[in-house]
C-alpha atoms as a PDB file:
ATOM      1  CA  MET A   1     -16.777 -45.205  17.354  1.00  0.00           C
ATOM      2  CA  VAL A   2     -18.627 -43.676  20.677  1.00  0.00           C
ATOM      3  CA  PHE A   3     -20.040 -40.927  20.721  1.00  0.00           C
ATOM      4  CA  GLY A   4     -20.338 -39.510  23.790  1.00  0.00           C
ATOM      5  CA  ALA A   5     -18.573 -38.327  27.474  1.00  0.00           C
ATOM      6  CA  PHE A   6     -16.736 -39.882  29.515  1.00  0.00           C
ATOM      7  CA  ALA A   7     -17.447 -38.934  33.318  1.00  0.00           C
ATOM      8  CA  GLY A   8     -16.469 -40.534  36.660  1.00  0.00           C
ATOM      9  CA  GLY A   9     -15.825 -43.815  34.987  1.00  0.00           C
ATOM     10  CA  LYS A  10     -19.349 -44.096  32.866  1.00  0.00           C
ATOM     11  CA  VAL A  11     -19.962 -43.374  29.341  1.00  0.00           C
ATOM     12  CA  LEU A  12     -22.825 -40.716  28.987  1.00  0.00           C
ATOM     13  CA  GLY A  13     -25.412 -41.564  26.143  1.00  0.00           C
ATOM     14  CA  GLU A  14     -24.722 -41.458  22.377  1.00  0.00           C
ATOM     15  CA  SER A  15     -27.213 -38.047  21.499  1.00  0.00           C
ATOM     16  CA  MET A  16     -26.675 -34.915  23.320  1.00  0.00           C
ATOM     17  CA  THR A  17     -30.607 -35.522  24.750  1.00  0.00           C
ATOM     18  CA  ASP A  18     -29.650 -39.156  26.180  1.00  0.00           C
ATOM     19  CA  MET A  19     -27.085 -38.443  29.110  1.00  0.00           C
ATOM     20  CA  THR A  20     -28.387 -41.327  30.725  1.00  0.00           C
ATOM     21  CA  PRO A  21     -25.355 -42.994  32.110  1.00  0.00           C
ATOM     22  CA  ARG A  22     -23.759 -46.477  31.800  1.00  0.00           C
ATOM     23  CA  ALA A  23     -21.450 -48.861  31.867  1.00  0.00           C
ATOM     24  CA  PRO A  24     -18.260 -48.791  29.900  1.00  0.00           C
ATOM     25  CA  ASP A  25     -18.520 -51.949  28.859  1.00  0.00           C
ATOM     26  CA  ASP A  26     -22.037 -51.424  27.140  1.00  0.00           C
ATOM     27  CA  ALA A  27     -20.537 -49.106  24.635  1.00  0.00           C
ATOM     28  CA  PRO A  28     -20.994 -50.121  21.028  1.00  0.00           C
ATOM     29  CA  SER A  29     -18.459 -52.455  19.641  1.00  0.00           C
ATOM     30  CA  GLU A  30     -17.167 -52.586  16.346  1.00  0.00           C
ATOM     31  CA  SER A  31     -18.720 -55.719  15.202  1.00  0.00           C
ATOM     32  CA  SER A  32     -21.866 -54.278  16.227  1.00  0.00           C
ATOM     33  CA  ALA A  33     -21.418 -50.864  14.168  1.00  0.00           C
ATOM     34  CA  ALA A  34     -23.761 -52.224  11.509  1.00  0.00           C
ATOM     35  CA  GLY A  35     -26.807 -52.219  13.142  1.00  0.00           C
ATOM     36  CA  TYR A  36     -25.437 -48.848  14.993  1.00  0.00           C
ATOM     37  CA  GLN A  37     -28.474 -46.239  14.274  1.00  0.00           C
ATOM     38  CA  CYS A  38     -26.630 -42.193  14.253  1.00  0.00           C
ATOM     39  CA  PRO A  39     -28.671 -40.616  16.910  1.00  0.00           C
ATOM     40  CA  TYR A  40     -27.944 -37.190  14.358  1.00  0.00           C
ATOM     41  CA  CYS A  41     -29.620 -38.042  10.966  1.00  0.00           C
ATOM     42  CA  GLY A  42     -31.259 -41.635  11.975  1.00  0.00           C
ATOM     43  CA  ALA A  43     -29.396 -43.282   9.271  1.00  0.00           C
ATOM     44  CA  GLY A  44     -28.191 -47.055  10.273  1.00  0.00           C
ATOM     45  CA  GLY A  45     -25.423 -49.235   9.976  1.00  0.00           C
ATOM     46  CA  LYS A  46     -21.739 -48.056   8.744  1.00  0.00           C
ATOM     47  CA  ALA A  47     -20.425 -45.050   7.186  1.00  0.00           C
ATOM     48  CA  PRO A  48     -20.446 -45.512   3.643  1.00  0.00           C
ATOM     49  CA  GLU A  49     -17.036 -46.192   1.778  1.00  0.00           C
ATOM     50  CA  PRO A  50     -15.509 -42.828   0.341  1.00  0.00           C
ATOM     51  CA  ALA A  51     -16.263 -43.342  -3.474  1.00  0.00           C
ATOM     52  CA  ALA A  52     -13.117 -44.516  -5.442  1.00  0.00           C
ATOM     53  CA  VAL A  53     -11.784 -41.325  -7.341  1.00  0.00           C
ATOM     54  CA  ALA A  54     -10.834 -41.478 -10.901  1.00  0.00           C
ATOM     55  CA  ALA A  55      -7.736 -40.347 -12.859  1.00  0.00           C
ATOM     56  CA  PRO A  56      -8.293 -37.369 -14.800  1.00  0.00           C
ATOM     57  CA  ALA A  57      -8.420 -37.661 -18.562  1.00  0.00           C
ATOM     58  CA  PRO A  58      -5.094 -37.107 -19.660  1.00  0.00           C
ATOM     59  CA  THR A  59      -5.240 -33.613 -21.534  1.00  0.00           C
ATOM     60  CA  PRO A  60      -4.361 -33.975 -25.637  1.00  0.00           C
ATOM     61  CA  SER A  61      -0.586 -32.288 -26.452  1.00  0.00           C
ATOM     62  CA  PRO A  62      -0.785 -29.037 -27.687  1.00  0.00           C
ATOM     63  CA  LYS A  63      -0.373 -28.444 -31.302  1.00  0.00           C
ATOM     64  CA  MET A  64       2.969 -28.063 -32.759  1.00  0.00           C
ATOM     65  CA  ARG A  65       3.457 -24.931 -34.758  1.00  0.00           C
ATOM     66  CA  THR A  66       6.040 -23.730 -37.100  1.00  0.00           C
ATOM     67  CA  MET A  67       7.450 -19.840 -36.486  1.00  0.00           C
ATOM     68  CA  ALA A  68      10.035 -18.097 -38.859  1.00  0.00           C
ATOM     69  CA  ILE A  69      12.614 -16.723 -37.226  1.00  0.00           C
ATOM     70  CA  ASP A  70      14.977 -13.726 -38.957  1.00  0.00           C
ATOM     71  CA  ALA A  71      18.345 -14.655 -37.204  1.00  0.00           C
ATOM     72  CA  ALA A  72      20.297 -11.291 -38.598  1.00  0.00           C
ATOM     73  CA  ALA A  73      17.768  -8.842 -36.821  1.00  0.00           C
ATOM     74  CA  GLN A  74      19.590  -9.962 -33.466  1.00  0.00           C
ATOM     75  CA  GLY A  75      17.708  -9.275 -30.480  1.00  0.00           C
ATOM     76  CA  THR A  76      14.435  -6.913 -32.464  1.00  0.00           C
ATOM     77  CA  THR A  77      11.829  -9.786 -32.124  1.00  0.00           C
ATOM     78  CA  PRO A  78       9.252  -7.800 -31.469  1.00  0.00           C
ATOM     79  CA  ILE A  79       7.740  -7.446 -27.556  1.00  0.00           C
ATOM     80  CA  GLY A  80       4.424  -6.293 -25.988  1.00  0.00           C
ATOM     81  CA  SER A  81       5.490  -4.535 -23.358  1.00  0.00           C
ATOM     82  CA  ALA A  82       8.247  -2.166 -24.625  1.00  0.00           C
ATOM     83  CA  VAL A  83       6.667   1.314 -25.554  1.00  0.00           C
ATOM     84  CA  GLY A  84       8.225   4.456 -26.770  1.00  0.00           C
ATOM     85  CA  TRP A  85       7.576   7.371 -27.532  1.00  0.00           C
ATOM     86  CA  LEU A  86       8.980  10.178 -30.587  1.00  0.00           C
ATOM     87  CA  VAL A  87       8.324  13.881 -29.324  1.00  0.00           C
ATOM     88  CA  PRO A  88       9.175  16.576 -32.292  1.00  0.00           C
ATOM     89  CA  LEU A  89      11.376  19.268 -30.483  1.00  0.00           C
ATOM     90  CA  ASP A  90      10.615  21.884 -33.664  1.00  0.00           C
ATOM     91  CA  GLY A  91       8.684  21.859 -36.960  1.00  0.00           C
ATOM     92  CA  PRO A  92       5.132  21.630 -37.964  1.00  0.00           C
ATOM     93  CA  GLN A  93       4.430  19.302 -35.116  1.00  0.00           C
ATOM     94  CA  THR A  94       6.198  20.472 -31.983  1.00  0.00           C
ATOM     95  CA  GLY A  95       5.548  18.803 -28.768  1.00  0.00           C
ATOM     96  CA  GLU A  96       2.905  16.316 -30.302  1.00  0.00           C
ATOM     97  CA  LEU A  97       3.656  12.239 -28.870  1.00  0.00           C
ATOM     98  CA  PHE A  98       3.553   9.816 -31.130  1.00  0.00           C
ATOM     99  CA  GLN A  99       3.801   6.109 -29.940  1.00  0.00           C
ATOM    100  CA  LEU A 100       5.996   3.608 -31.081  1.00  0.00           C
ATOM    101  CA  LYS A 101       5.270  -0.059 -30.611  1.00  0.00           C
ATOM    102  CA  GLY A 102       6.264  -3.269 -31.796  1.00  0.00           C
ATOM    103  CA  ARG A 103       7.489  -2.531 -35.776  1.00  0.00           C
ATOM    104  CA  CYS A 104       6.627   1.180 -36.654  1.00  0.00           C
ATOM    105  CA  VAL A 105       7.395   2.916 -39.816  1.00  0.00           C
ATOM    106  CA  VAL A 106       7.916   6.870 -39.703  1.00  0.00           C
ATOM    107  CA  GLY A 107       7.624   8.944 -42.572  1.00  0.00           C
ATOM    108  CA  LYS A 108       5.213  11.461 -44.338  1.00  0.00           C
ATOM    109  CA  ALA A 109       3.440   8.634 -46.703  1.00  0.00           C
ATOM    110  CA  PRO A 110      -0.185   7.966 -45.609  1.00  0.00           C
ATOM    111  CA  ASP A 111      -0.046   4.069 -44.840  1.00  0.00           C
ATOM    112  CA  CYS A 112       2.755   4.845 -42.257  1.00  0.00           C
ATOM    113  CA  ASP A 113       2.425   3.966 -39.107  1.00  0.00           C
ATOM    114  CA  VAL A 114       3.222   7.648 -37.584  1.00  0.00           C
ATOM    115  CA  VAL A 115       2.746  10.473 -40.246  1.00  0.00           C
ATOM    116  CA  LEU A 116       4.695  13.322 -40.024  1.00  0.00           C
ATOM    117  CA  ASN A 117       3.920  16.736 -41.689  1.00  0.00           C
ATOM    118  CA  ASP A 118       7.543  17.672 -42.578  1.00  0.00           C
ATOM    119  CA  PRO A 119       8.748  18.372 -46.278  1.00  0.00           C
ATOM    120  CA  SER A 120      11.921  17.292 -45.057  1.00  0.00           C
ATOM    121  CA  ILE A 121      11.042  13.883 -44.012  1.00  0.00           C
ATOM    122  CA  SER A 122      10.846  10.691 -46.608  1.00  0.00           C
ATOM    123  CA  GLY A 123       7.600   9.200 -47.798  1.00  0.00           C
ATOM    124  CA  ARG A 124       9.046   5.976 -45.805  1.00  0.00           C
ATOM    125  CA  HIS A 125      12.049   7.459 -43.754  1.00  0.00           C
ATOM    126  CA  ALA A 126      12.826   5.577 -40.987  1.00  0.00           C
ATOM    127  CA  GLU A 127      11.421   2.494 -39.057  1.00  0.00           C
ATOM    128  CA  PHE A 128      11.214   1.219 -35.146  1.00  0.00           C
ATOM    129  CA  ILE A 129      11.643  -1.535 -33.830  1.00  0.00           C
ATOM    130  CA  ALA A 130      10.984  -2.801 -30.188  1.00  0.00           C
ATOM    131  CA  GLY A 131      12.979  -5.616 -29.332  1.00  0.00           C
ATOM    132  CA  ARG A 132      14.380  -7.419 -26.126  1.00  0.00           C
ATOM    133  CA  THR A 133      16.602  -5.147 -25.117  1.00  0.00           C
ATOM    134  CA  GLY A 134      14.732  -1.957 -26.206  1.00  0.00           C
ATOM    135  CA  PHE A 135      14.358  -0.222 -29.195  1.00  0.00           C
ATOM    136  CA  ARG A 136      15.945  -0.034 -32.604  1.00  0.00           C
ATOM    137  CA  VAL A 137      15.822   2.381 -35.280  1.00  0.00           C
ATOM    138  CA  THR A 138      16.645   1.703 -39.113  1.00  0.00           C
ATOM    139  CA  ASP A 139      16.764   4.126 -41.804  1.00  0.00           C
ATOM    140  CA  LEU A 140      15.040   3.188 -45.058  1.00  0.00           C
ATOM    141  CA  GLY A 141      16.960   4.981 -47.388  1.00  0.00           C
ATOM    142  CA  SER A 142      15.887   8.732 -46.733  1.00  0.00           C
ATOM    143  CA  THR A 143      16.907  11.622 -48.917  1.00  0.00           C
ATOM    144  CA  ASN A 144      18.047  13.896 -45.449  1.00  0.00           C
ATOM    145  CA  GLY A 145      19.107  10.697 -43.351  1.00  0.00           C
ATOM    146  CA  THR A 146      18.426   9.558 -39.700  1.00  0.00           C
ATOM    147  CA  TYR A 147      20.527  10.921 -36.886  1.00  0.00           C
ATOM    148  CA  VAL A 148      20.742   9.645 -33.408  1.00  0.00           C
ATOM    149  CA  ASN A 149      22.496  11.809 -30.822  1.00  0.00           C
ATOM    150  CA  ASP A 150      23.879  14.205 -34.062  1.00  0.00           C
ATOM    151  CA  LYS A 151      25.531  11.048 -36.206  1.00  0.00           C
ATOM    152  CA  LYS A 152      24.278   9.516 -38.800  1.00  0.00           C
ATOM    153  CA  ILE A 153      23.234   6.185 -38.971  1.00  0.00           C
ATOM    154  CA  THR A 154      21.658   3.671 -40.972  1.00  0.00           C
ATOM    155  CA  ASN A 155      20.789   1.185 -37.964  1.00  0.00           C
ATOM    156  CA  ALA A 156      21.235   2.282 -34.043  1.00  0.00           C
ATOM    157  CA  ASP A 157      19.814   0.931 -30.480  1.00  0.00           C
ATOM    158  CA  LEU A 158      18.010   3.460 -28.919  1.00  0.00           C
ATOM    159  CA  VAL A 159      18.232   4.448 -24.892  1.00  0.00           C
ATOM    160  CA  ASP A 160      15.462   6.789 -23.252  1.00  0.00           C
ATOM    161  CA  ASN A 161      16.084  10.794 -23.948  1.00  0.00           C
ATOM    162  CA  ASP A 162      17.966   9.966 -27.531  1.00  0.00           C
ATOM    163  CA  SER A 163      18.235  12.639 -29.816  1.00  0.00           C
ATOM    164  CA  VAL A 164      16.971  11.283 -33.203  1.00  0.00           C
ATOM    165  CA  ARG A 165      16.631  13.789 -36.341  1.00  0.00           C
ATOM    166  CA  LEU A 166      14.556  12.934 -39.319  1.00  0.00           C
ATOM    167  CA  GLY A 167      15.202  15.158 -42.197  1.00  0.00           C
ATOM    168  CA  ARG A 168      15.819  18.640 -40.392  1.00  0.00           C
ATOM    169  CA  THR A 169      13.355  17.615 -37.641  1.00  0.00           C
ATOM    170  CA  ASN A 170      14.586  16.940 -34.077  1.00  0.00           C
ATOM    171  CA  PHE A 171      13.427  14.678 -31.988  1.00  0.00           C
ATOM    172  CA  LYS A 172      13.543  13.532 -28.257  1.00  0.00           C
ATOM    173  CA  PHE A 173      12.846   9.300 -27.868  1.00  0.00           C
ATOM    174  CA  LYS A 174      11.375   8.245 -24.662  1.00  0.00           C
ATOM    175  CA  SER A 175      11.056   4.855 -23.535  1.00  0.00           C
ATOM    176  CA  MET A 176       9.332   2.449 -21.164  1.00  0.00           C
ATOM    177  CA  ASN A 177      10.201  -1.473 -21.037  1.00  0.00           C
END
């Protein structure tokens, strides 16, 4: 390989400081490249051969896990992105926001996910489950019932702005999925 410039039928020198004209036949040949010295770094000989690239090490296969699936749940697999709220429209907690994520039990028992202070609501009144298509509410055998849009239900799918009544307290259901 020749470093240099070609001007007026002559090859100029191989370094930027050596611009001495020489004949084109004076250029180093490929056979003499072994004794050639680099004008920039002073290294001699041929350029080093590129190093062989080793193949990447094989990655171990992921471990298999067993999961239980509730086939009767039909689209109620909890998902992390669905978020809902119950907004009481009347009763002792009017105007508060109760956030619903995944699977939430609503009632007046202290171990519920959403605790409501209303005597008409059972200890474990209803369960709200986030699923692939939104939220689903299930009455848990409450004394005063669960209603969606003024219809008594045992379970029902909810959409944004549905009216929900637990006992004698009315709620607005809000969701974002």
